[in-house]
């Protein structure tokens, strides 16, 4: 029998061992751990709404009305008005007929993919899709195919090969992301939709890192590109730009009903707390309001400033990867930054492919110009010390 201690030692030898960090943060700008205070360039709280008073008040008021727990699965008795409201408003916001609220993005991915796919179907993913999308695809029982990142020609080849087979009663689903979580780039969505329509497939787009920060009113990448009609399933999370938690899959009413009846992560989980749904709703309303517009402007100015100072290409969103390559070197740079007062972790295999370790910097609307200048100075110093 394998010794777990030996497995952990192997992870250490390969510079792939991970440890949890515990801290208390008032905003997305800083990370406090004991007496240590770090500038936080690791949070996905892009708009700095995590400590927003309107969201905190929504939670407090909902707890006063509904209590803390939800009591049961939504399929039994766990559904409340806050759950209904977040679903109605997200469907309207994204321009679709219907929406289903999950406790988190991982649960939404597993539930959605498991509901719409089955044995005999085919799911085709961009190779850099998030682990939750990969896991959901594998667990669905469908045949899983991947194409090199944003490689339209390879996707076309895969679709041509599938359509040569007997697929009349089978479902084909293409999966990609609005902004990719580790590289910060976007897909050639219009070309993907064109292929989708030619081959009569479906498309799932994960807008987790694009919702709130791009597109009109923060509606995300598909809306910015004016192609939301070509997206059959839109997923996003409220744990990033919205400053809360939870996730939705937005689709047609028929597809939502199918997910509702088949998504195991939805059916067999206790419902998210009503206060969580209320927090997500408050975050959504902030995103599409005046404050959201102001925060998006500040965020994009911060991104521009950082990229100009580092003399690197400007990403589509708030994720700025500094590719290092070697895992040990990436760890040393992250440790150097930590000693200098900056939290910007090393991202390593299996989150990214071997040999492509990186420092993943995420920028927030809460960061000041002084914060950005400090980060630039310490990054340059850390890179020179390796």
Protein backbone atom coordinates (compact mmCIF):
# COMPACT_ATOMS: atom_id res chain seq x y z
CA UNK A 1 0.00 0.00 0.00
CA UNK A 2 1.26 3.50 -0.86
CA UNK A 3 2.59 5.52 2.02
CA UNK A 4 0.98 9.01 2.02
CA UNK A 5 4.10 10.40 3.66
CA UNK A 6 6.20 9.24 0.70
CA UNK A 7 3.76 10.87 -1.71
CA UNK A 8 4.08 14.15 0.18
CA UNK A 9 7.87 13.89 0.13
CA UNK A 10 7.77 13.40 -3.66
CA UNK A 11 5.65 16.55 -4.00
CA UNK A 12 8.24 18.43 -1.94
CA UNK A 13 11.09 17.10 -4.08
CA UNK A 14 9.29 18.24 -7.23
CA UNK A 15 8.54 21.69 -5.74
CA UNK A 16 4.81 20.96 -6.01
CA UNK A 17 3.92 20.80 -2.30
CA UNK A 18 1.21 23.21 -1.18
CA UNK A 19 0.16 24.62 2.18
CA UNK A 20 -2.90 26.58 3.28
CA UNK A 21 -2.65 30.22 4.24
CA UNK A 22 -4.84 31.60 7.00
CA UNK A 23 -5.52 35.26 7.42
CA UNK A 24 -8.07 37.97 8.06
CA UNK A 25 -8.60 40.61 5.40
CA UNK A 26 -10.88 43.62 5.56
CA UNK A 27 -10.68 44.21 1.81
CA UNK A 28 -9.22 42.64 -1.30
CA UNK A 29 -6.25 44.99 -1.00
CA UNK A 30 -4.46 43.49 1.99
CA UNK A 31 -3.93 40.09 3.57
CA UNK A 32 -3.39 39.96 7.32
CA UNK A 33 -1.88 36.92 9.01
CA UNK A 34 -0.91 37.38 12.65
CA UNK A 35 1.34 40.45 12.83
CA UNK A 36 2.09 40.24 9.11
CA UNK A 37 0.34 42.54 6.63
CA UNK A 38 0.82 41.93 2.90
CA UNK A 39 -0.39 43.79 -0.16
CA UNK A 40 -2.72 41.24 -1.72
CA UNK A 41 -2.16 40.70 -5.44
CA UNK A 42 -3.66 37.22 -5.26
CA UNK A 43 -7.36 37.88 -4.66
CA UNK A 44 -10.04 37.53 -7.34
CA UNK A 45 -12.03 40.33 -5.69
CA UNK A 46 -11.45 42.38 -8.83
CA UNK A 47 -13.86 45.23 -8.07
CA UNK A 48 -13.05 45.33 -4.36
CA UNK A 49 -16.63 44.54 -3.34
CA UNK A 50 -15.80 41.84 -0.79
CA UNK A 51 -16.21 44.22 2.13
CA UNK A 52 -18.92 46.41 0.60
CA UNK A 53 -21.49 47.64 3.10
CA UNK A 54 -24.48 46.96 0.83
CA UNK A 55 -23.50 43.30 0.54
CA UNK A 56 -22.90 42.99 4.29
CA UNK A 57 -26.27 44.59 5.00
CA UNK A 58 -28.02 42.20 2.58
CA UNK A 59 -26.49 39.26 4.43
CA UNK A 60 -27.40 40.62 7.87
CA UNK A 61 -30.99 41.37 6.90
CA UNK A 62 -31.47 37.99 5.27
CA UNK A 63 -30.11 36.14 8.29
CA UNK A 64 -32.53 38.09 10.47
CA UNK A 65 -35.42 36.99 8.25
CA UNK A 66 -34.42 33.45 7.23
CA UNK A 67 -31.85 32.31 9.77
CA UNK A 68 -28.49 30.88 8.82
CA UNK A 69 -29.10 27.45 7.30
CA UNK A 70 -31.30 26.51 4.35
CA UNK A 71 -32.56 23.30 5.94
CA UNK A 72 -32.54 20.98 2.95
CA UNK A 73 -31.86 20.50 -0.72
CA UNK A 74 -33.66 22.91 -3.03
CA UNK A 75 -35.57 19.87 -4.32
CA UNK A 76 -37.02 19.29 -0.86
CA UNK A 77 -37.65 22.47 1.10
CA UNK A 78 -34.45 24.49 0.82
CA UNK A 79 -35.59 27.08 -1.70
CA UNK A 80 -36.29 30.65 -0.55
CA UNK A 81 -37.16 34.01 -2.08
CA UNK A 82 -33.47 35.09 -2.26
CA UNK A 83 -32.73 31.98 -4.37
CA UNK A 84 -35.61 32.85 -6.68
CA UNK A 85 -34.54 36.49 -7.01
CA UNK A 86 -30.92 35.79 -7.89
CA UNK A 87 -32.06 33.39 -10.60
CA UNK A 88 -34.58 35.82 -12.08
CA UNK A 89 -32.17 38.76 -12.10
CA UNK A 90 -29.24 36.84 -13.55
CA UNK A 91 -31.40 35.45 -16.37
CA UNK A 92 -32.55 38.98 -17.21
CA UNK A 93 -29.07 40.48 -16.82
CA UNK A 94 -27.43 38.01 -19.21
CA UNK A 95 -30.31 38.04 -21.68
CA UNK A 96 -31.41 34.42 -21.28
CA UNK A 97 -34.70 32.82 -20.31
CA UNK A 98 -33.69 31.07 -17.13
CA UNK A 99 -30.98 30.54 -14.52
CA UNK A 100 -30.07 28.10 -11.76
CA UNK A 101 -28.10 29.05 -8.63
CA UNK A 102 -25.42 26.70 -7.24
CA UNK A 103 -23.35 26.94 -4.06
CA UNK A 104 -20.09 27.43 -6.00
CA UNK A 105 -18.55 27.33 -9.45
CA UNK A 106 -17.19 23.81 -9.09
CA UNK A 107 -20.63 22.49 -8.23
CA UNK A 108 -22.16 24.37 -11.15
CA UNK A 109 -19.63 22.89 -13.58
CA UNK A 110 -20.06 19.33 -12.37
CA UNK A 111 -23.83 19.63 -12.18
CA UNK A 112 -24.34 21.36 -15.52
CA UNK A 113 -22.03 19.15 -17.55
CA UNK A 114 -23.32 16.01 -15.87
CA UNK A 115 -26.90 17.02 -16.64
CA UNK A 116 -26.55 17.86 -20.33
CA UNK A 117 -24.05 15.14 -21.26
CA UNK A 118 -24.20 11.36 -21.08
CA UNK A 119 -22.45 8.31 -22.46
CA UNK A 120 -22.26 8.53 -26.24
CA UNK A 121 -22.12 12.32 -26.29
CA UNK A 122 -18.92 14.27 -26.99
CA UNK A 123 -17.55 17.26 -25.11
CA UNK A 124 -14.71 19.27 -26.65
CA UNK A 125 -12.71 21.53 -24.33
CA UNK A 126 -10.01 24.09 -24.79
CA UNK A 127 -6.94 22.51 -23.20
CA UNK A 128 -6.63 25.41 -20.73
CA UNK A 129 -10.19 25.14 -19.39
CA UNK A 130 -10.55 25.20 -15.61
CA UNK A 131 -10.22 21.93 -13.67
CA UNK A 132 -13.91 22.02 -12.71
CA UNK A 133 -14.90 21.94 -16.39
CA UNK A 134 -12.49 19.09 -17.08
CA UNK A 135 -13.72 17.10 -14.07
CA UNK A 136 -17.37 17.71 -14.93
CA UNK A 137 -16.75 16.54 -18.49
CA UNK A 138 -15.00 13.36 -17.37
CA UNK A 139 -17.62 12.50 -14.78
CA UNK A 140 -20.45 13.00 -17.28
CA UNK A 141 -19.58 9.79 -19.11
CA UNK A 142 -19.28 11.60 -22.43
CA UNK A 143 -16.28 11.18 -24.72
CA UNK A 144 -13.83 13.95 -23.82
CA UNK A 145 -11.78 15.64 -26.54
CA UNK A 146 -9.44 18.62 -26.10
CA UNK A 147 -7.96 21.08 -28.56
CA UNK A 148 -4.78 23.15 -28.11
CA UNK A 149 -5.48 26.51 -26.54
CA UNK A 150 -7.52 28.73 -28.90
CA UNK A 151 -6.56 26.55 -31.89
CA UNK A 152 -9.54 26.90 -34.24
CA UNK A 153 -8.07 24.65 -36.92
CA UNK A 154 -7.68 21.79 -34.47
CA UNK A 155 -11.22 22.32 -33.18
CA UNK A 156 -12.46 22.21 -36.77
CA UNK A 157 -10.62 18.93 -37.35
CA UNK A 158 -12.18 17.38 -34.25
CA UNK A 159 -15.68 18.49 -35.27
CA UNK A 160 -15.21 17.11 -38.78
CA UNK A 161 -14.11 13.76 -37.41
CA UNK A 162 -17.07 13.53 -35.04
CA UNK A 163 -19.63 14.38 -37.70
CA UNK A 164 -18.42 11.48 -39.80
CA UNK A 165 -19.75 9.16 -37.14
CA UNK A 166 -23.38 8.35 -36.34
CA UNK A 167 -24.27 11.36 -34.21
CA UNK A 168 -27.98 11.84 -34.97
CA UNK A 169 -29.13 11.19 -31.42
CA UNK A 170 -25.96 12.36 -29.73
CA UNK A 171 -25.07 15.72 -28.23
CA UNK A 172 -21.84 17.60 -28.95
CA UNK A 173 -20.76 20.38 -26.59
CA UNK A 174 -17.88 22.84 -27.00
CA UNK A 175 -16.53 24.33 -23.76
CA UNK A 176 -14.38 27.42 -23.39
CA UNK A 177 -13.90 30.42 -21.09
CA UNK A 178 -14.53 34.16 -21.36
CA UNK A 179 -11.16 34.98 -19.77
CA UNK A 180 -8.84 32.08 -19.01
CA UNK A 181 -8.01 31.85 -15.33
CA UNK A 182 -4.25 31.34 -15.57
CA UNK A 183 -3.30 33.14 -18.79
CA UNK A 184 -5.75 36.04 -18.74
CA UNK A 185 -6.50 35.82 -22.47
CA UNK A 186 -9.79 35.29 -24.35
CA UNK A 187 -11.07 32.77 -26.93
CA UNK A 188 -11.83 33.45 -30.62
CA UNK A 189 -15.49 33.26 -29.66
CA UNK A 190 -17.01 34.35 -32.98
CA UNK A 191 -15.06 31.71 -34.88
CA UNK A 192 -16.09 29.09 -32.32
CA UNK A 193 -19.75 30.06 -32.67
CA UNK A 194 -19.49 29.88 -36.46
CA UNK A 195 -18.15 26.31 -36.18
CA UNK A 196 -20.79 25.50 -33.60
CA UNK A 197 -23.55 26.54 -35.96
CA UNK A 198 -22.03 24.74 -38.93
CA UNK A 199 -21.77 21.48 -37.00
CA UNK A 200 -25.00 21.87 -34.98
CA UNK A 201 -23.32 21.62 -31.60
CA UNK A 202 -23.85 23.41 -28.28
CA UNK A 203 -21.55 25.92 -26.57
CA UNK A 204 -20.83 26.42 -22.87
CA UNK A 205 -18.95 29.60 -21.92
CA UNK A 206 -17.53 30.09 -18.43
CA UNK A 207 -17.51 33.84 -17.66
CA UNK A 208 -16.11 33.50 -14.13
CA UNK A 209 -13.21 35.92 -14.72
CA UNK A 210 -14.93 38.22 -17.23
CA UNK A 211 -18.26 38.85 -15.49
CA UNK A 212 -18.24 42.21 -13.75
CA UNK A 213 -15.15 43.65 -15.40
CA UNK A 214 -15.75 43.74 -19.17
CA UNK A 215 -18.77 44.29 -21.39
CA UNK A 216 -21.67 46.69 -20.96
CA UNK A 217 -22.59 46.88 -17.25
CA UNK A 218 -20.06 44.13 -16.62
CA UNK A 219 -22.05 41.52 -18.55
CA UNK A 220 -18.88 39.79 -19.65
CA UNK A 221 -17.06 38.71 -22.77
CA UNK A 222 -19.94 37.30 -24.84
CA UNK A 223 -21.90 40.54 -24.48
CA UNK A 224 -18.85 42.64 -25.28
CA UNK A 225 -18.44 40.65 -28.50
CA UNK A 226 -22.19 40.89 -29.25
CA UNK A 227 -22.54 37.13 -29.53
CA UNK A 228 -24.51 36.09 -26.45
CA UNK A 229 -27.18 34.48 -28.68
CA UNK A 230 -24.59 31.96 -29.82
CA UNK A 231 -23.90 30.83 -26.24
CA UNK A 232 -26.19 28.02 -25.09
CA UNK A 233 -24.94 27.80 -21.51
CA UNK A 234 -23.33 30.71 -19.69
CA UNK A 235 -21.73 30.01 -16.32
CA UNK A 236 -20.37 32.54 -13.89
CA UNK A 237 -19.50 32.89 -10.24
CA UNK A 238 -20.23 35.52 -7.59
CA UNK A 239 -17.05 34.71 -5.66
CA UNK A 240 -14.90 37.04 -7.73
CA UNK A 241 -16.06 40.43 -9.08
CA UNK A 242 -19.36 40.30 -7.16
CA UNK A 243 -17.58 40.02 -3.81
CA UNK A 244 -19.83 37.21 -2.57
CA UNK A 245 -20.19 33.48 -3.32
CA UNK A 246 -22.23 31.09 -5.41
CA UNK A 247 -22.58 30.45 -9.11
CA UNK A 248 -25.21 30.33 -11.84
CA UNK A 249 -25.76 28.51 -15.09
CA UNK A 250 -27.87 30.66 -17.40
CA UNK A 251 -29.64 29.10 -20.37
CA UNK A 252 -33.00 28.46 -22.02
CA UNK A 253 -35.91 27.47 -19.79
CA UNK A 254 -35.94 23.94 -21.20
CA UNK A 255 -32.23 23.42 -20.58
CA UNK A 256 -32.50 24.85 -17.07
CA UNK A 257 -35.28 22.37 -16.31
CA UNK A 258 -33.07 19.56 -17.60
CA UNK A 259 -30.20 20.69 -15.36
CA UNK A 260 -32.59 21.02 -12.42
CA UNK A 261 -33.70 17.42 -12.89
CA UNK A 262 -30.31 15.86 -13.54
CA UNK A 263 -27.58 17.90 -11.84
CA UNK A 264 -26.39 15.70 -8.99
CA UNK A 265 -24.42 18.51 -7.33
CA UNK A 266 -27.68 20.48 -7.18
CA UNK A 267 -30.16 17.71 -6.29
CA UNK A 268 -28.06 16.04 -3.61
CA UNK A 269 -26.63 19.11 -1.87
CA UNK A 270 -28.14 21.21 0.87
CA UNK A 271 -29.15 24.50 -0.70
CA UNK A 272 -26.80 27.49 -0.35
CA UNK A 273 -27.76 29.66 2.60
CA UNK A 274 -30.41 32.27 1.76
CA UNK A 275 -27.93 34.92 2.92
CA UNK A 276 -25.45 33.67 0.30
CA UNK A 277 -28.03 34.15 -2.45
CA UNK A 278 -28.83 37.61 -1.07
CA UNK A 279 -25.13 38.53 -1.06
CA UNK A 280 -24.79 37.40 -4.66
CA UNK A 281 -27.83 39.45 -5.62
CA UNK A 282 -26.45 42.54 -3.89
CA UNK A 283 -23.13 42.05 -5.68
CA UNK A 284 -24.89 41.73 -9.03
CA UNK A 285 -26.82 44.95 -8.45
CA UNK A 286 -23.63 46.80 -7.54
CA UNK A 287 -21.88 45.53 -10.65
CA UNK A 288 -24.58 46.80 -12.99
CA UNK A 289 -24.98 50.12 -11.17
CA UNK A 290 -23.01 53.33 -10.90
CA UNK A 291 -20.51 51.94 -8.38
CA UNK A 292 -19.75 49.01 -10.66
CA UNK A 293 -19.02 51.36 -13.54
CA UNK A 294 -16.72 53.45 -11.38
CA UNK A 295 -14.89 50.40 -10.05
CA UNK A 296 -14.41 48.98 -13.56
CA UNK A 297 -12.82 52.26 -14.63
CA UNK A 298 -10.44 52.22 -11.68
CA UNK A 299 -9.58 48.58 -12.21
CA UNK A 300 -8.70 49.06 -15.87
CA UNK A 301 -6.58 52.10 -15.08
CA UNK A 302 -4.69 49.99 -12.53
CA UNK A 303 -4.17 47.22 -15.09
CA UNK A 304 -2.92 49.70 -17.70
CA UNK A 305 -0.53 51.28 -15.19
CA UNK A 306 0.93 47.96 -14.05
CA UNK A 307 1.44 46.63 -17.58
CA UNK A 308 3.03 49.88 -18.73
CA UNK A 309 5.45 49.87 -15.80
CA UNK A 310 6.39 46.21 -16.34
CA UNK A 311 6.48 46.71 -20.12
CA UNK A 312 4.29 43.67 -20.77
CA UNK A 313 1.28 43.07 -23.00
CA UNK A 314 -2.01 44.26 -21.58
CA UNK A 315 -4.38 41.34 -20.81
CA UNK A 316 -8.13 41.37 -21.41
CA UNK A 317 -8.94 41.13 -17.72
CA UNK A 318 -7.32 41.51 -14.31
CA UNK A 319 -5.16 38.37 -14.46
CA UNK A 320 -1.52 39.11 -15.28
CA UNK A 321 0.70 36.01 -15.46
CA UNK A 322 4.47 36.41 -15.18
CA UNK A 323 5.72 33.20 -16.79
CA UNK A 324 8.82 31.89 -15.02
CA UNK A 325 8.95 28.30 -16.27
CA UNK A 326 10.89 26.45 -13.58
CA UNK A 327 8.82 25.53 -10.51
CA UNK A 328 11.62 26.16 -8.02
CA UNK A 329 12.41 29.57 -9.49
CA UNK A 330 8.75 30.53 -9.34
CA UNK A 331 8.60 29.49 -5.69
CA UNK A 332 11.70 31.52 -4.87
CA UNK A 333 10.28 34.62 -6.53
CA UNK A 334 6.99 34.22 -4.65
CA UNK A 335 8.94 33.83 -1.38
CA UNK A 336 10.99 36.93 -2.15
CA UNK A 337 7.83 38.92 -2.82
CA UNK A 338 6.33 37.62 0.42
CA UNK A 339 9.35 38.83 2.39
CA UNK A 340 9.00 42.21 0.70
CA UNK A 341 5.34 42.48 1.78
CA UNK A 342 3.48 41.19 -1.29
CA UNK A 343 1.19 38.18 -1.63
CA UNK A 344 1.50 36.88 -5.21
CA UNK A 345 1.75 33.08 -5.21
CA UNK A 346 3.58 30.74 -7.54
CA UNK A 347 1.22 28.73 -9.75
CA UNK A 348 2.58 25.29 -10.62
CA UNK A 349 1.64 21.93 -12.06
CA UNK A 350 -1.04 20.54 -12.16
CA UNK A 351 -2.79 23.92 -12.25
CA UNK A 352 -0.60 24.77 -15.25
CA UNK A 353 1.50 22.46 -17.39
CA UNK A 354 4.94 21.40 -16.22
CA UNK A 355 7.63 23.91 -17.05
CA UNK A 356 5.19 26.83 -17.24
CA UNK A 357 5.16 27.85 -13.58
CA UNK A 358 4.30 31.49 -13.05
CA UNK A 359 3.56 34.28 -10.65
CA UNK A 360 -0.14 35.01 -11.07
CA UNK A 361 -0.85 38.64 -10.30
CA UNK A 362 -4.44 39.80 -9.95
CA UNK A 363 -5.27 43.48 -9.75
CA UNK A 364 -8.14 45.03 -7.79
CA UNK A 365 -9.97 48.33 -8.02
CA UNK A 366 -8.94 48.75 -4.38
CA UNK A 367 -5.24 49.01 -5.25
CA UNK A 368 -3.78 52.49 -5.35
CA UNK A 369 -1.12 53.88 -7.70
CA UNK A 370 1.28 53.67 -4.78
CA UNK A 371 0.45 49.95 -4.38
CA UNK A 372 1.12 49.32 -8.07
CA UNK A 373 4.43 51.20 -7.92
CA UNK A 374 5.48 49.17 -4.86
CA UNK A 375 4.59 45.91 -6.63
CA UNK A 376 6.57 46.85 -9.75
CA UNK A 377 9.62 47.74 -7.68
CA UNK A 378 9.54 44.47 -5.74
CA UNK A 379 8.89 42.32 -8.82
CA UNK A 380 11.93 43.76 -10.57
CA UNK A 381 14.03 43.25 -7.46
CA UNK A 382 12.85 39.63 -7.03
CA UNK A 383 13.46 38.79 -10.68
CA UNK A 384 16.97 40.18 -10.49
CA UNK A 385 17.72 38.06 -7.40
CA UNK A 386 17.00 34.73 -9.12
